Amino acid sequence: MVVNASDVRLYLNDVATDLISDDSLNQAISLAETVVSEEASSTCKLDTKDHAILAQAGWIAYGKYASHVERAMGKVPTKISGLIKFYEYLKNIFMKYVRSGDTLPPNIDTLIYPIDSAMTGWYRRTTGSR
C-alpha cells in the first residue's frame, strides 16, 4: 500500500476537502515518508512503514488544521487539542515499531481504525480565512 491523500483523509475521519486540502495532505505525506524512512530500522517491514506514514501524516495534517483554527478563533478548542494528543499517541505507537523493526500485532487495524467519529469536532473556516 502506498499512502495517499484519500487514506489520510479517511484516517482523519473523512475530513472534508474544504477543511484540509489534498495538497496539504500530500505535503504531510511527503514529510511523513521522510521521517519514517530516516528513522526506520533495517528490519522494518513495508506494512509497518505504511501504517507509520499514515499516522505521521495524519498528525501533521491535523496540526496544520489546528493552526488554522487557532488563527481564526484565537485559541485551539479543547476537543481539537485532545485529538492532536490522540493522533500523536497513535503516531508514537507506530514509530516505536518502525524504529524497533518489530512486527505489528495482527489485529492492529481493528484496534486503531476507524477512529470513533464522536471524537472528532471539525470547525469550518469562514470565508476568506486561510
N, C-alpha and C. Protein backbone atom coordinates (compact mmCIF):
# COMPACT_ATOMS: atom_id res chain seq x y z
N MET A 1 0.85 -1.19 0.00
CA MET A 1 0.00 0.00 0.00
C MET A 1 0.88 1.24 0.00
N VAL A 2 0.58 2.15 -0.85
CA VAL A 2 1.21 3.47 -0.83
C VAL A 2 0.18 4.42 -0.25
N VAL A 3 0.59 5.19 0.76
CA VAL A 3 -0.33 6.11 1.43
C VAL A 3 -0.61 7.29 0.50
N ASN A 4 -1.89 7.61 0.35
CA ASN A 4 -2.28 8.77 -0.47
C ASN A 4 -3.21 9.68 0.32
N ALA A 5 -3.58 10.79 -0.28
CA ALA A 5 -4.41 11.79 0.40
C ALA A 5 -5.75 11.21 0.86
N SER A 6 -6.33 10.33 0.05
CA SER A 6 -7.61 9.72 0.43
C SER A 6 -7.47 8.87 1.70
N ASP A 7 -6.34 8.17 1.82
CA ASP A 7 -6.09 7.36 3.01
C ASP A 7 -6.01 8.24 4.25
N VAL A 8 -5.27 9.33 4.15
CA VAL A 8 -5.11 10.23 5.29
C VAL A 8 -6.44 10.90 5.62
N ARG A 9 -7.18 11.28 4.59
CA ARG A 9 -8.49 11.89 4.82
C ARG A 9 -9.40 10.93 5.59
N LEU A 10 -9.41 9.67 5.19
CA LEU A 10 -10.21 8.66 5.89
C LEU A 10 -9.71 8.47 7.32
N TYR A 11 -8.39 8.42 7.50
CA TYR A 11 -7.77 8.29 8.83
C TYR A 11 -8.23 9.43 9.74
N LEU A 12 -8.38 10.60 9.16
CA LEU A 12 -8.86 11.77 9.92
C LEU A 12 -10.38 11.84 9.92
N ASN A 13 -10.99 10.69 9.91
CA ASN A 13 -12.45 10.56 10.00
C ASN A 13 -13.16 11.24 8.84
N ASP A 14 -12.60 11.04 7.63
CA ASP A 14 -13.20 11.54 6.40
C ASP A 14 -13.38 13.06 6.41
N VAL A 15 -12.34 13.76 6.84
CA VAL A 15 -12.37 15.22 6.91
C VAL A 15 -12.64 15.81 5.52
N ALA A 16 -13.44 16.84 5.49
CA ALA A 16 -13.83 17.48 4.23
C ALA A 16 -12.66 18.20 3.57
N THR A 17 -12.69 18.26 2.25
CA THR A 17 -11.61 18.91 1.49
C THR A 17 -11.55 20.42 1.73
N ASP A 18 -12.65 21.02 2.15
CA ASP A 18 -12.59 22.47 2.44
C ASP A 18 -11.93 22.75 3.78
N LEU A 19 -11.72 21.73 4.57
CA LEU A 19 -11.02 21.89 5.85
C LEU A 19 -9.54 21.57 5.72
N ILE A 20 -9.23 20.49 5.03
CA ILE A 20 -7.84 20.12 4.76
C ILE A 20 -7.77 19.69 3.29
N SER A 21 -7.02 20.45 2.51
CA SER A 21 -6.94 20.19 1.07
C SER A 21 -6.08 18.97 0.77
N ASP A 22 -6.25 18.42 -0.42
CA ASP A 22 -5.39 17.31 -0.86
C ASP A 22 -3.94 17.75 -0.92
N ASP A 23 -3.68 18.99 -1.34
CA ASP A 23 -2.31 19.49 -1.38
C ASP A 23 -1.67 19.46 0.01
N SER A 24 -2.44 19.89 0.99
CA SER A 24 -1.94 19.89 2.37
C SER A 24 -1.69 18.45 2.84
N LEU A 25 -2.59 17.54 2.50
CA LEU A 25 -2.41 16.13 2.88
C LEU A 25 -1.19 15.54 2.18
N ASN A 26 -1.01 15.87 0.91
CA ASN A 26 0.15 15.36 0.17
C ASN A 26 1.47 15.89 0.73
N GLN A 27 1.48 17.14 1.17
CA GLN A 27 2.67 17.69 1.82
C GLN A 27 2.95 16.95 3.12
N ALA A 28 1.91 16.65 3.88
CA ALA A 28 2.07 15.92 5.14
C ALA A 28 2.59 14.51 4.87
N ILE A 29 2.09 13.88 3.81
CA ILE A 29 2.54 12.53 3.45
C ILE A 29 4.02 12.55 3.08
N SER A 30 4.42 13.53 2.29
CA SER A 30 5.82 13.64 1.88
C SER A 30 6.74 13.80 3.08
N LEU A 31 6.36 14.66 4.00
CA LEU A 31 7.15 14.85 5.22
C LEU A 31 7.17 13.56 6.05
N ALA A 32 6.02 12.93 6.17
CA ALA A 32 5.92 11.68 6.95
C ALA A 32 6.78 10.59 6.34
N GLU A 33 6.79 10.48 5.02
CA GLU A 33 7.62 9.47 4.35
C GLU A 33 9.10 9.70 4.67
N THR A 34 9.51 10.95 4.70
CA THR A 34 10.90 11.28 5.02
C THR A 34 11.23 10.90 6.45
N VAL A 35 10.36 11.27 7.38
CA VAL A 35 10.60 10.97 8.80
C VAL A 35 10.67 9.47 9.02
N VAL A 36 9.71 8.74 8.49
CA VAL A 36 9.67 7.29 8.67
C VAL A 36 10.88 6.63 8.03
N SER A 37 11.23 7.05 6.85
CA SER A 37 12.39 6.49 6.15
C SER A 37 13.67 6.71 6.94
N GLU A 38 13.83 7.89 7.48
CA GLU A 38 15.04 8.22 8.24
C GLU A 38 15.14 7.44 9.55
N GLU A 39 14.01 7.13 10.16
CA GLU A 39 14.02 6.50 11.48
C GLU A 39 13.80 4.99 11.45
N ALA A 40 13.52 4.44 10.28
CA ALA A 40 13.19 3.01 10.18
C ALA A 40 14.41 2.13 10.41
N SER A 41 14.17 1.08 11.16
CA SER A 41 15.16 0.03 11.34
C SER A 41 15.34 -0.70 10.01
N SER A 42 16.48 -1.32 9.83
CA SER A 42 16.73 -2.06 8.59
C SER A 42 15.82 -3.28 8.47
N THR A 43 15.22 -3.71 9.58
CA THR A 43 14.33 -4.87 9.56
C THR A 43 12.85 -4.49 9.53
N CYS A 44 12.57 -3.19 9.44
CA CYS A 44 11.18 -2.73 9.45
C CYS A 44 10.47 -3.17 8.17
N LYS A 45 9.29 -3.74 8.34
CA LYS A 45 8.50 -4.21 7.19
C LYS A 45 7.74 -3.05 6.54
N LEU A 46 7.44 -3.24 5.26
CA LEU A 46 6.76 -2.21 4.48
C LEU A 46 5.40 -1.84 5.06
N ASP A 47 4.61 -2.83 5.51
CA ASP A 47 3.28 -2.50 6.05
C ASP A 47 3.40 -1.69 7.34
N THR A 48 4.45 -1.93 8.12
CA THR A 48 4.68 -1.14 9.33
C THR A 48 5.00 0.30 8.95
N LYS A 49 5.84 0.47 7.93
CA LYS A 49 6.17 1.81 7.46
C LYS A 49 4.92 2.53 6.95
N ASP A 50 4.07 1.81 6.21
CA ASP A 50 2.85 2.43 5.68
C ASP A 50 1.93 2.90 6.80
N HIS A 51 1.76 2.07 7.83
CA HIS A 51 0.94 2.48 8.98
C HIS A 51 1.54 3.72 9.65
N ALA A 52 2.86 3.72 9.80
CA ALA A 52 3.53 4.85 10.44
C ALA A 52 3.41 6.11 9.59
N ILE A 53 3.54 5.98 8.29
CA ILE A 53 3.40 7.13 7.39
C ILE A 53 1.99 7.69 7.49
N LEU A 54 1.01 6.82 7.50
CA LEU A 54 -0.39 7.26 7.63
C LEU A 54 -0.60 8.01 8.94
N ALA A 55 -0.14 7.44 10.05
CA ALA A 55 -0.32 8.08 11.35
C ALA A 55 0.46 9.38 11.45
N GLN A 56 1.69 9.38 10.95
CA GLN A 56 2.52 10.59 10.98
C GLN A 56 1.89 11.68 10.13
N ALA A 57 1.45 11.34 8.93
CA ALA A 57 0.83 12.33 8.04
C ALA A 57 -0.47 12.86 8.63
N GLY A 58 -1.26 12.00 9.25
CA GLY A 58 -2.49 12.44 9.90
C GLY A 58 -2.22 13.43 11.01
N TRP A 59 -1.21 13.14 11.82
CA TRP A 59 -0.84 14.03 12.92
C TRP A 59 -0.36 15.38 12.39
N ILE A 60 0.48 15.35 11.36
CA ILE A 60 0.99 16.59 10.76
C ILE A 60 -0.17 17.41 10.18
N ALA A 61 -1.02 16.77 9.39
CA ALA A 61 -2.14 17.48 8.75
C ALA A 61 -3.11 18.04 9.78
N TYR A 62 -3.39 17.28 10.82
CA TYR A 62 -4.31 17.75 11.85
C TYR A 62 -3.70 18.93 12.62
N GLY A 63 -2.40 18.88 12.82
CA GLY A 63 -1.72 20.00 13.46
C GLY A 63 -1.81 21.27 12.64
N LYS A 64 -1.67 21.13 11.32
CA LYS A 64 -1.81 22.29 10.43
C LYS A 64 -3.24 22.83 10.49
N TYR A 65 -4.20 21.93 10.51
CA TYR A 65 -5.61 22.33 10.62
C TYR A 65 -5.83 23.09 11.93
N ALA A 66 -5.27 22.58 13.03
CA ALA A 66 -5.42 23.22 14.34
C ALA A 66 -4.83 24.63 14.33
N SER A 67 -3.73 24.80 13.60
CA SER A 67 -3.12 26.12 13.48
C SER A 67 -4.05 27.11 12.79
N HIS A 68 -4.74 26.64 11.75
CA HIS A 68 -5.72 27.50 11.06
C HIS A 68 -6.87 27.87 12.00
N VAL A 69 -7.34 26.91 12.76
CA VAL A 69 -8.43 27.16 13.70
C VAL A 69 -7.99 28.18 14.75
N GLU A 70 -6.77 28.01 15.24
CA GLU A 70 -6.27 28.93 16.26
C GLU A 70 -6.21 30.37 15.73
N ARG A 71 -5.74 30.52 14.50
CA ARG A 71 -5.68 31.87 13.92
C ARG A 71 -7.08 32.46 13.75
N ALA A 72 -8.04 31.62 13.38
CA ALA A 72 -9.41 32.11 13.15
C ALA A 72 -10.15 32.40 14.45
N MET A 73 -9.92 31.57 15.47
CA MET A 73 -10.68 31.68 16.71
C MET A 73 -9.92 32.32 17.86
N GLY A 74 -8.61 32.42 17.71
CA GLY A 74 -7.80 32.98 18.79
C GLY A 74 -7.34 31.95 19.80
N LYS A 75 -7.80 30.72 19.66
CA LYS A 75 -7.37 29.63 20.55
C LYS A 75 -7.73 28.30 19.88
N VAL A 76 -7.13 27.25 20.38
CA VAL A 76 -7.45 25.91 19.88
C VAL A 76 -8.49 25.31 20.83
N PRO A 77 -9.66 24.96 20.31
CA PRO A 77 -10.68 24.35 21.16
C PRO A 77 -10.16 23.06 21.84
N THR A 78 -10.68 22.80 23.00
CA THR A 78 -10.25 21.65 23.81
C THR A 78 -10.36 20.34 23.04
N LYS A 79 -11.44 20.16 22.29
CA LYS A 79 -11.63 18.92 21.54
C LYS A 79 -10.51 18.72 20.52
N ILE A 80 -10.11 19.79 19.86
CA ILE A 80 -9.03 19.70 18.88
C ILE A 80 -7.71 19.41 19.57
N SER A 81 -7.45 20.06 20.68
CA SER A 81 -6.22 19.79 21.44
C SER A 81 -6.15 18.33 21.86
N GLY A 82 -7.28 17.80 22.29
CA GLY A 82 -7.34 16.38 22.67
C GLY A 82 -7.06 15.46 21.51
N LEU A 83 -7.60 15.80 20.35
CA LEU A 83 -7.36 14.98 19.17
C LEU A 83 -5.92 15.05 18.69
N ILE A 84 -5.30 16.22 18.81
CA ILE A 84 -3.88 16.32 18.45
C ILE A 84 -3.08 15.36 19.31
N LYS A 85 -3.36 15.33 20.59
CA LYS A 85 -2.66 14.41 21.50
C LYS A 85 -2.95 12.95 21.14
N PHE A 86 -4.19 12.67 20.77
CA PHE A 86 -4.57 11.31 20.38
C PHE A 86 -3.83 10.88 19.12
N TYR A 87 -3.81 11.74 18.10
CA TYR A 87 -3.09 11.41 16.86
C TYR A 87 -1.58 11.29 17.11
N GLU A 88 -1.06 12.11 18.00
CA GLU A 88 0.36 12.00 18.34
C GLU A 88 0.63 10.66 19.04
N TYR A 89 -0.26 10.26 19.92
CA TYR A 89 -0.13 8.98 20.61
C TYR A 89 -0.10 7.83 19.60
N LEU A 90 -1.01 7.84 18.64
CA LEU A 90 -1.03 6.79 17.61
C LEU A 90 0.25 6.81 16.79
N LYS A 91 0.68 8.00 16.39
CA LYS A 91 1.92 8.15 15.63
C LYS A 91 3.09 7.55 16.40
N ASN A 92 3.16 7.84 17.68
CA ASN A 92 4.26 7.34 18.50
C ASN A 92 4.24 5.81 18.62
N ILE A 93 3.06 5.22 18.68
CA ILE A 93 2.96 3.76 18.72
C ILE A 93 3.59 3.17 17.46
N PHE A 94 3.19 3.67 16.31
CA PHE A 94 3.72 3.13 15.05
C PHE A 94 5.21 3.41 14.90
N MET A 95 5.67 4.56 15.34
CA MET A 95 7.09 4.88 15.23
C MET A 95 7.95 3.96 16.10
N LYS A 96 7.42 3.50 17.21
CA LYS A 96 8.16 2.53 18.03
C LYS A 96 8.39 1.24 17.25
N TYR A 97 7.38 0.81 16.52
CA TYR A 97 7.52 -0.40 15.69
C TYR A 97 8.48 -0.16 14.53
N VAL A 98 8.44 1.03 13.95
CA VAL A 98 9.33 1.38 12.85
C VAL A 98 10.78 1.35 13.33
N ARG A 99 11.03 1.94 14.47
CA ARG A 99 12.40 2.01 14.99
C ARG A 99 12.93 0.64 15.43
N SER A 100 12.05 -0.17 16.00
CA SER A 100 12.49 -1.47 16.52
C SER A 100 12.53 -2.55 15.44
N GLY A 101 11.72 -2.39 14.39
CA GLY A 101 11.63 -3.42 13.37
C GLY A 101 10.72 -4.57 13.76
N ASP A 102 10.06 -4.45 14.92
CA ASP A 102 9.13 -5.49 15.36
C ASP A 102 7.91 -5.53 14.46
N THR A 103 7.27 -6.69 14.41
CA THR A 103 6.07 -6.87 13.60
C THR A 103 4.86 -6.30 14.34
N LEU A 104 4.01 -5.60 13.59
CA LEU A 104 2.78 -5.07 14.18
C LEU A 104 1.87 -6.21 14.63
N PRO A 105 1.09 -6.00 15.69
CA PRO A 105 0.11 -7.02 16.09
C PRO A 105 -0.85 -7.30 14.94
N PRO A 106 -1.29 -8.55 14.79
CA PRO A 106 -2.16 -8.89 13.66
C PRO A 106 -3.50 -8.16 13.66
N ASN A 107 -3.96 -7.71 14.81
CA ASN A 107 -5.26 -7.05 14.91
C ASN A 107 -5.13 -5.54 15.00
N ILE A 108 -4.02 -4.98 14.55
CA ILE A 108 -3.79 -3.54 14.70
C ILE A 108 -4.88 -2.71 14.02
N ASP A 109 -5.37 -3.15 12.88
CA ASP A 109 -6.41 -2.38 12.19
C ASP A 109 -7.69 -2.26 13.02
N THR A 110 -8.08 -3.33 13.69
CA THR A 110 -9.30 -3.26 14.49
C THR A 110 -9.07 -2.50 15.79
N LEU A 111 -7.83 -2.42 16.23
CA LEU A 111 -7.54 -1.66 17.45
C LEU A 111 -7.50 -0.15 17.19
N ILE A 112 -7.05 0.23 16.01
CA ILE A 112 -6.80 1.64 15.72
C ILE A 112 -7.86 2.27 14.82
N TYR A 113 -8.28 1.57 13.78
CA TYR A 113 -9.14 2.15 12.75
C TYR A 113 -10.52 1.53 12.80
N PRO A 114 -11.59 2.19 12.46
CA PRO A 114 -11.63 3.62 12.25
C PRO A 114 -11.70 4.36 13.58
N ILE A 115 -11.28 5.57 13.58
CA ILE A 115 -11.35 6.39 14.79
C ILE A 115 -12.80 6.76 15.02
N ASP A 116 -13.20 6.67 16.25
CA ASP A 116 -14.59 6.94 16.63
C ASP A 116 -15.01 8.34 16.17
N SER A 117 -16.05 8.39 15.36
CA SER A 117 -16.49 9.67 14.80
C SER A 117 -16.96 10.64 15.88
N ALA A 118 -17.37 10.15 17.03
CA ALA A 118 -17.80 11.04 18.11
C ALA A 118 -16.64 11.85 18.67
N MET A 119 -15.40 11.38 18.42
CA MET A 119 -14.23 12.08 18.95
C MET A 119 -13.88 13.32 18.15
N THR A 120 -14.27 13.37 16.89
CA THR A 120 -13.81 14.46 16.05
C THR A 120 -14.77 15.63 16.09
N GLY A 121 -14.20 16.82 16.09
CA GLY A 121 -15.01 18.04 16.05
C GLY A 121 -14.38 18.99 15.06
N TRP A 122 -14.98 19.12 13.91
CA TRP A 122 -14.40 19.96 12.87
C TRP A 122 -15.02 21.34 12.93
N TYR A 123 -14.17 22.34 12.83
CA TYR A 123 -14.60 23.72 12.82
C TYR A 123 -14.38 24.26 11.42
N ARG A 124 -15.44 24.67 10.76
CA ARG A 124 -15.33 25.16 9.38
C ARG A 124 -14.74 26.57 9.37
N ARG A 125 -13.88 26.80 8.40
CA ARG A 125 -13.30 28.12 8.22
C ARG A 125 -14.34 29.06 7.65
N THR A 126 -14.26 30.30 8.06
CA THR A 126 -15.16 31.29 7.49
C THR A 126 -14.58 31.77 6.16
N THR A 127 -15.40 32.31 5.32
CA THR A 127 -14.97 32.77 4.01
C THR A 127 -13.85 33.78 4.17
N GLY A 128 -12.81 33.56 3.38
CA GLY A 128 -11.68 34.48 3.41
C GLY A 128 -10.59 34.10 4.40
N SER A 129 -10.85 33.19 5.31
CA SER A 129 -9.80 32.79 6.26
C SER A 129 -8.94 31.73 5.61
N ARG A 130 -7.69 31.63 6.01
CA ARG A 130 -6.77 30.66 5.43
C ARG A 130 -6.33 29.69 6.47
